Amino acid sequence: MITHHQLVSGLALLLATTSASAAGERHDLDLMNVLRVPQRYATIQAAVDAADDGDQIVVSRGRFCGATITRRLVLKGKHGATIVGCEAPVTGAFRIGFFLPDGRASGTSVRGFRFDGRGVSNANLAPLGAGILARSADDVTVLSNHFDGTFQAITNTDGSGWTVLFNRVEHLTALTCDGGCAGGDAIVFQQRLVLDRRPRGNVAAFNRVQGDIPDGLNEFSMVGVLVLGQARALVAANLFEIPHNPGAEAQGVGVLVTDHCCAAVEVSTSVNTDVLFNDGRRSELVLRVDPDVPGGPGNLEGARIFGNRGEVELPPGATPARNVARLPQASSARSARQALLH
């Protein structure tokens, strides 16, 4: 049995490790080649294209298009550095801030930016739809950024070892199903394209998510952190404010742990998930764990759930393995049917 004291100590260790990593990174930054935008390069993409693995790109105050990241970089925004929607990068009709298309971007860090997706909707796709979108990139750090709007702020598809800390997401939205029928998730850890192994060890902690459920969103929930087909994900000490909208049937959920979404896409069950000390009292649910595809409790395998504030839904009759707190049983789970960027 894992005690409350051990879990608090674990969170303290995570915070201490994060501080130590940040201090080490500051030391490393002193040794890096620094490319400055716009002082030397007019655009972030031009700086990325000129950079080598391990270089640092520092972006000063101003409004800039994002970039496609194809090498390991440190992307650092100074106060007022804002990423806006542009004709590139995009996925389909949706504009992206930073796009990490494959494993070449593994080890990249993004910190200190504001991502401007305010006002994105079916009728207006000019703002950012997604702040950061990555595929099969491991060991990425997303630290102390501000996402204003967007319908998917941070998306990690098939990557392991991500650290997503101290970010702020405000005015998160979704595209209703009379149009794009997409998004509604602030932080996404998903298995999607690589189905023979679960992504492992992704962390979302100390983030703040505030979302506005749009009128007419009836088909899927809006979620602070989506854990889809993961192993050993940690979701801890986040604050979620996604309140009910009387004009919609969608739930506002802090953390959703599942193995299915997105027009019946089925992936691995999520196992050994830690959901600790999150606050979802200003959302409808702080945590929902869906039944697995056959209808059982597979998404609770090895789960540790403790110290969360707010309502919880679990698969009917299920209790988490290695349980450290007795939780109420679920009523029913609502399957997600939206398109999730990946």
Protein backbone atom coordinates (compact mmCIF):
# COMPACT_ATOMS: atom_id res chain seq x y z
CA MET A 1 0.00 0.00 0.00
CA ILE A 2 1.36 3.38 -0.99
CA THR A 3 0.74 6.04 1.64
CA HIS A 4 -0.26 9.69 1.39
CA HIS A 5 3.18 10.63 2.73
CA GLN A 6 4.92 8.66 -0.01
CA LEU A 7 2.85 10.30 -2.73
CA VAL A 8 3.46 13.81 -1.40
CA SER A 9 7.16 13.01 -1.17
CA GLY A 10 7.03 11.80 -4.76
CA LEU A 11 5.49 15.05 -5.95
CA ALA A 12 8.09 17.01 -4.01
CA LEU A 13 10.79 14.95 -5.69
CA LEU A 14 9.25 15.68 -9.11
CA LEU A 15 9.30 19.41 -8.38
CA ALA A 16 12.87 19.25 -7.09
CA THR A 17 13.96 17.26 -10.14
CA THR A 18 12.27 19.79 -12.41
CA SER A 19 14.09 22.65 -10.68
CA ALA A 20 17.39 20.84 -10.95
CA SER A 21 16.78 20.08 -14.63
CA ALA A 22 15.96 23.71 -15.28
CA ALA A 23 19.16 24.80 -13.55
CA GLY A 24 21.14 22.32 -15.61
CA GLU A 25 19.46 23.53 -18.78
CA ARG A 26 20.37 27.14 -17.92
CA HIS A 27 23.98 26.03 -17.63
CA ASP A 28 23.72 24.20 -20.96
CA LEU A 29 22.20 27.28 -22.61
CA ASP A 30 25.38 29.19 -21.87
CA LEU A 31 27.26 26.72 -24.04
CA MET A 32 24.82 26.66 -26.96
CA ASN A 33 24.91 28.44 -30.27
CA VAL A 34 22.15 31.09 -30.05
CA LEU A 35 20.08 32.16 -33.05
CA ARG A 36 18.00 35.28 -32.44
CA VAL A 37 14.65 36.21 -33.98
CA PRO A 38 14.11 38.81 -35.40
CA GLN A 39 17.52 40.38 -34.76
CA ARG A 40 19.36 37.96 -37.04
CA TYR A 41 16.61 35.85 -38.60
CA ALA A 42 13.34 37.40 -39.68
CA THR A 43 11.29 34.28 -38.97
CA ILE A 44 11.46 31.35 -36.58
CA GLN A 45 11.42 28.95 -39.53
CA ALA A 46 14.50 30.64 -41.01
CA ALA A 47 16.29 30.23 -37.69
CA VAL A 48 15.24 26.56 -37.46
CA ASP A 49 16.50 25.92 -40.99
CA ALA A 50 19.88 27.47 -40.13
CA ALA A 51 20.23 25.67 -36.78
CA ASP A 52 22.11 22.52 -35.86
CA ASP A 53 21.07 19.91 -33.31
CA GLY A 54 21.30 21.38 -29.82
CA ASP A 55 21.13 25.04 -30.85
CA GLN A 56 18.99 27.57 -29.02
CA ILE A 57 16.54 29.87 -30.78
CA VAL A 58 15.59 32.96 -28.79
CA VAL A 59 12.52 34.87 -29.96
CA SER A 60 11.98 38.45 -28.83
CA ARG A 61 8.74 40.35 -28.34
CA GLY A 62 6.46 40.35 -31.37
CA ARG A 63 3.99 38.24 -33.32
CA PHE A 64 5.51 35.44 -35.37
CA CYS A 65 4.49 32.43 -37.44
CA GLY A 66 5.49 29.13 -35.92
CA ALA A 67 7.76 26.54 -37.50
CA THR A 68 8.24 22.90 -38.40
CA ILE A 69 10.94 21.50 -36.09
CA THR A 70 13.13 18.80 -37.65
CA ARG A 71 16.06 18.78 -35.21
CA ARG A 72 16.68 18.90 -31.46
CA LEU A 73 16.39 22.55 -30.41
CA VAL A 74 15.77 24.80 -27.45
CA LEU A 75 13.01 27.24 -28.39
CA LYS A 76 12.79 30.10 -25.93
CA GLY A 77 10.34 32.97 -26.04
CA LYS A 78 11.14 36.22 -24.31
CA HIS A 79 8.33 38.24 -22.72
CA GLY A 80 5.80 39.12 -25.40
CA ALA A 81 6.93 36.49 -27.95
CA THR A 82 3.64 35.35 -29.51
CA ILE A 83 3.00 32.58 -32.03
CA VAL A 84 0.07 33.23 -34.40
CA GLY A 85 -1.76 31.26 -37.06
CA CYS A 86 -0.16 31.33 -40.50
CA GLU A 87 -0.33 29.46 -43.79
CA ALA A 88 2.41 27.15 -42.48
CA PRO A 89 2.70 24.94 -40.55
CA VAL A 90 -0.74 23.41 -40.95
CA THR A 91 -2.47 20.05 -40.76
CA GLY A 92 -5.34 20.03 -43.20
CA ALA A 93 -7.26 23.26 -42.71
CA PHE A 94 -5.93 23.83 -39.18
CA ARG A 95 -3.04 26.11 -38.29
CA ILE A 96 -0.29 24.97 -35.91
CA GLY A 97 2.27 26.82 -33.83
CA PHE A 98 5.17 24.37 -33.60
CA PHE A 99 4.95 21.13 -35.59
CA LEU A 100 7.33 18.29 -34.65
CA PRO A 101 6.67 15.81 -37.47
CA ASP A 102 8.91 12.92 -36.40
CA GLY A 103 11.67 11.66 -34.14
CA ARG A 104 14.21 14.15 -35.45
CA ALA A 105 12.69 16.67 -33.03
CA SER A 106 13.24 14.41 -30.00
CA GLY A 107 14.81 16.27 -27.09
CA THR A 108 13.37 19.65 -28.11
CA SER A 109 12.17 22.08 -25.46
CA VAL A 110 9.63 24.90 -25.84
CA ARG A 111 9.29 27.53 -23.15
CA GLY A 112 8.08 31.04 -22.55
CA PHE A 113 5.81 31.56 -25.58
CA ARG A 114 2.26 32.81 -25.92
CA PHE A 115 0.22 30.90 -28.51
CA ASP A 116 -2.64 32.98 -29.92
CA GLY A 117 -5.59 30.81 -30.89
CA ARG A 118 -8.25 33.12 -29.52
CA GLY A 119 -11.42 33.02 -31.55
CA VAL A 120 -10.75 29.83 -33.52
CA SER A 121 -14.04 28.23 -34.59
CA ASN A 122 -15.71 26.52 -37.50
CA ALA A 123 -16.36 29.97 -38.94
CA ASN A 124 -12.82 31.26 -38.31
CA LEU A 125 -9.83 28.95 -38.83
CA ALA A 126 -7.31 31.80 -39.10
CA PRO A 127 -6.16 31.63 -35.44
CA LEU A 128 -4.09 28.73 -34.18
CA GLY A 129 -6.02 25.50 -33.87
CA ALA A 130 -3.13 23.66 -32.19
CA GLY A 131 -0.25 25.18 -30.26
CA ILE A 132 2.24 22.29 -30.35
CA LEU A 133 1.64 19.15 -32.40
CA ALA A 134 4.17 16.29 -32.40
CA ARG A 135 4.47 12.79 -33.84
CA SER A 136 6.87 10.14 -32.53
CA ALA A 137 9.14 12.71 -30.86
CA ASP A 138 10.49 11.62 -27.46
CA ASP A 139 11.80 13.52 -24.43
CA VAL A 140 10.18 16.84 -25.31
CA THR A 141 9.82 19.54 -22.64
CA VAL A 142 6.97 22.09 -22.76
CA LEU A 143 7.45 24.57 -19.93
CA SER A 144 5.82 27.81 -18.80
CA ASN A 145 3.91 28.66 -21.99
CA HIS A 146 0.57 30.45 -22.30
CA PHE A 147 -2.01 29.07 -24.75
CA ASP A 148 -4.84 31.51 -25.40
CA GLY A 149 -7.67 29.77 -27.24
CA THR A 150 -6.81 26.82 -29.55
CA PHE A 151 -8.83 23.62 -29.62
CA GLN A 152 -5.75 21.42 -28.91
CA ALA A 153 -3.01 23.22 -27.04
CA ILE A 154 -0.33 20.50 -26.65
CA THR A 155 -0.51 17.21 -28.54
CA ASN A 156 1.99 14.37 -28.20
CA THR A 157 1.24 11.50 -30.58
CA ASP A 158 3.25 8.30 -29.97
CA GLY A 159 6.07 10.06 -28.09
CA SER A 160 7.52 8.95 -24.74
CA GLY A 161 9.21 10.85 -21.93
CA TRP A 162 7.44 14.19 -22.36
CA THR A 163 7.49 16.74 -19.53
CA VAL A 164 4.65 19.29 -19.66
CA LEU A 165 4.90 21.64 -16.70
CA PHE A 166 3.65 25.03 -15.50
CA ASN A 167 1.73 25.88 -18.66
CA ARG A 168 -1.45 27.96 -18.74
CA VAL A 169 -4.29 27.22 -21.15
CA GLU A 170 -7.13 29.74 -21.30
CA HIS A 171 -10.29 29.79 -23.41
CA LEU A 172 -9.75 26.26 -24.69
CA THR A 173 -12.51 25.43 -27.16
CA ALA A 174 -13.68 22.72 -29.56
CA LEU A 175 -15.04 22.65 -33.09
CA THR A 176 -18.65 21.53 -32.97
CA CYS A 177 -19.88 18.76 -35.23
CA ASP A 178 -21.81 21.04 -37.57
CA GLY A 179 -18.31 21.75 -38.88
CA GLY A 180 -14.86 20.44 -37.97
CA CYS A 181 -16.01 18.22 -35.06
CA ALA A 182 -12.51 18.35 -33.58
CA GLY A 183 -10.35 19.05 -30.57
CA GLY A 184 -11.58 20.07 -27.15
CA ASP A 185 -8.42 18.81 -25.38
CA ALA A 186 -5.73 20.94 -23.75
CA ILE A 187 -2.94 18.36 -23.25
CA VAL A 188 -3.02 15.14 -25.27
CA PHE A 189 -0.85 12.09 -24.69
CA GLN A 190 -2.03 9.63 -27.35
CA GLN A 191 -1.13 6.40 -29.02
CA ARG A 192 -2.43 6.74 -32.53
CA LEU A 193 -0.12 5.86 -35.42
CA VAL A 194 2.21 3.31 -33.78
CA LEU A 195 -0.02 0.57 -32.36
CA ASP A 196 2.55 -2.09 -31.41
CA ARG A 197 3.79 -0.27 -28.29
CA ARG A 198 2.37 2.15 -25.78
CA PRO A 199 4.06 5.54 -25.28
CA ARG A 200 5.59 5.62 -21.80
CA GLY A 201 6.46 7.98 -19.01
CA ASN A 202 4.70 11.17 -20.10
CA VAL A 203 4.15 13.77 -17.37
CA ALA A 204 1.67 16.65 -17.11
CA ALA A 205 1.98 18.53 -13.83
CA PHE A 206 1.36 21.96 -12.34
CA ASN A 207 -0.59 23.16 -15.39
CA ARG A 208 -3.71 25.31 -15.35
CA VAL A 209 -6.47 24.67 -17.90
CA GLN A 210 -9.55 26.83 -18.38
CA GLY A 211 -11.99 25.90 -21.11
CA ASP A 212 -15.22 27.23 -22.59
CA ILE A 213 -17.56 24.51 -23.87
CA PRO A 214 -19.21 25.93 -27.00
CA ASP A 215 -22.96 25.89 -27.48
CA GLY A 216 -24.14 22.83 -29.33
CA LEU A 217 -21.21 20.57 -28.43
CA ASN A 218 -23.08 17.34 -27.75
CA GLU A 219 -20.96 14.56 -29.21
CA PHE A 220 -17.82 14.51 -27.04
CA SER A 221 -16.31 15.92 -23.86
CA MET A 222 -13.87 18.75 -23.36
CA VAL A 223 -10.80 17.55 -21.47
CA GLY A 224 -7.84 19.05 -19.64
CA VAL A 225 -5.47 16.08 -20.01
CA LEU A 226 -6.29 13.15 -22.32
CA VAL A 227 -4.44 9.90 -21.55
CA LEU A 228 -5.03 7.60 -24.53
CA GLY A 229 -3.25 4.26 -24.83
CA GLN A 230 -0.41 5.19 -22.46
CA ALA A 231 1.87 3.40 -19.99
CA ARG A 232 3.06 5.03 -16.76
CA ALA A 233 1.61 8.47 -17.46
CA LEU A 234 1.68 10.89 -14.52
CA VAL A 235 -0.95 13.64 -14.23
CA ALA A 236 -0.42 15.59 -11.04
CA ALA A 237 -1.22 18.88 -9.33
CA ASN A 238 -3.06 20.44 -12.26
CA LEU A 239 -5.97 22.87 -11.97
CA PHE A 240 -8.94 22.37 -14.31
CA GLU A 241 -11.75 24.85 -14.90
CA ILE A 242 -14.07 23.49 -17.61
CA PRO A 243 -17.55 24.21 -16.28
CA HIS A 244 -20.87 22.94 -17.60
CA ASN A 245 -22.51 24.88 -20.42
CA PRO A 246 -26.33 24.60 -20.31
CA GLY A 247 -26.33 25.01 -24.10
CA ALA A 248 -24.34 21.79 -24.64
CA GLU A 249 -24.40 18.15 -23.53
CA ALA A 250 -20.60 17.84 -23.42
CA GLN A 251 -18.95 17.15 -20.07
CA GLY A 252 -16.08 19.25 -18.79
CA VAL A 253 -13.49 16.69 -17.61
CA GLY A 254 -10.14 17.37 -15.96
CA VAL A 255 -8.42 14.05 -16.77
CA LEU A 256 -9.75 11.39 -19.16
CA VAL A 257 -8.06 7.96 -19.20
CA THR A 258 -9.22 5.80 -22.08
CA ASP A 259 -8.38 3.42 -24.94
CA HIS A 260 -10.80 4.73 -27.57
CA CYS A 261 -11.74 7.97 -29.20
CA CYS A 262 -12.10 9.74 -32.48
CA ALA A 263 -14.60 8.00 -34.71
CA ALA A 264 -14.05 4.54 -33.15
CA VAL A 265 -10.25 4.51 -33.29
CA GLU A 266 -9.13 1.79 -30.82
CA VAL A 267 -5.69 1.68 -29.22
CA SER A 268 -4.08 -0.09 -26.25
CA THR A 269 -5.57 0.23 -22.81
CA SER A 270 -3.92 2.84 -20.61
CA VAL A 271 -1.98 1.13 -17.79
CA ASN A 272 -0.12 2.15 -14.63
CA THR A 273 -1.51 5.68 -14.75
CA ASP A 274 -0.92 8.01 -11.79
CA VAL A 275 -3.56 10.72 -11.28
CA LEU A 276 -2.64 12.65 -8.15
CA PHE A 277 -3.66 15.88 -6.39
CA ASN A 278 -5.50 17.48 -9.31
CA ASP A 279 -8.22 20.06 -8.67
CA GLY A 280 -11.29 19.81 -10.85
CA ARG A 281 -13.90 21.32 -8.58
CA ARG A 282 -14.71 23.95 -11.23
CA SER A 283 -15.23 21.25 -13.84
CA GLU A 284 -17.99 18.66 -13.99
CA LEU A 285 -15.47 15.89 -13.30
CA VAL A 286 -11.89 15.94 -12.10
CA LEU A 287 -11.33 12.43 -13.50
CA ARG A 288 -13.09 9.99 -15.80
CA VAL A 289 -11.73 6.53 -16.55
CA ASP A 290 -13.59 4.93 -19.42
CA PRO A 291 -14.39 1.22 -19.57
CA ASP A 292 -12.06 -0.50 -22.01
CA VAL A 293 -13.37 -1.46 -25.45
CA PRO A 294 -14.77 -4.84 -24.23
CA GLY A 295 -16.51 -2.99 -21.38
CA GLY A 296 -14.15 -3.90 -18.53
CA PRO A 297 -11.79 -2.01 -16.19
CA GLY A 298 -8.64 -2.41 -18.32
CA ASN A 299 -7.85 1.32 -18.24
CA LEU A 300 -7.52 1.07 -14.45
CA GLU A 301 -4.79 -1.59 -14.55
CA GLY A 302 -2.04 -0.55 -12.13
CA ALA A 303 -3.59 2.88 -11.58
CA ARG A 304 -2.79 5.06 -8.57
CA ILE A 305 -5.47 7.67 -7.92
CA PHE A 306 -5.24 9.89 -4.88
CA GLY A 307 -5.83 13.39 -3.55
CA ASN A 308 -7.91 14.67 -6.47
CA ARG A 309 -10.61 17.22 -5.71
CA GLY A 310 -13.89 16.98 -7.59
CA GLU A 311 -16.21 14.31 -8.95
CA VAL A 312 -14.80 11.04 -10.30
CA GLU A 313 -16.25 8.46 -12.69
CA LEU A 314 -14.82 4.93 -12.95
CA PRO A 315 -16.01 1.92 -14.93
CA PRO A 316 -19.02 0.36 -13.15
CA GLY A 317 -17.95 -1.90 -10.31
CA ALA A 318 -14.25 -1.15 -10.75
CA THR A 319 -11.65 -0.11 -8.22
CA PRO A 320 -8.09 0.80 -9.25
CA ALA A 321 -5.26 -1.64 -8.67
CA ARG A 322 -2.74 -0.37 -6.13
CA ASN A 323 -5.61 1.85 -4.99
CA VAL A 324 -4.68 4.43 -2.37
CA ALA A 325 -8.11 5.97 -1.98
CA ARG A 326 -11.64 4.61 -2.32
CA LEU A 327 -13.44 6.36 -5.16
CA PRO A 328 -17.10 6.47 -6.18
CA GLN A 329 -18.18 4.21 -9.00
CA ALA A 330 -19.01 5.56 -12.40
CA SER A 331 -22.48 6.14 -13.70
CA SER A 332 -21.85 5.87 -17.44
CA ALA A 333 -19.07 6.83 -19.83
CA ARG A 334 -19.48 8.88 -22.96
CA SER A 335 -17.40 7.79 -25.95
CA ALA A 336 -15.55 10.52 -27.78
CA ARG A 337 -16.40 10.83 -31.45
CA GLN A 338 -14.42 13.89 -32.45
CA ALA A 339 -11.49 14.15 -34.81
CA LEU A 340 -8.34 14.53 -32.74
CA LEU A 341 -5.31 16.10 -34.44
CA HIS A 342 -2.41 13.66 -34.48
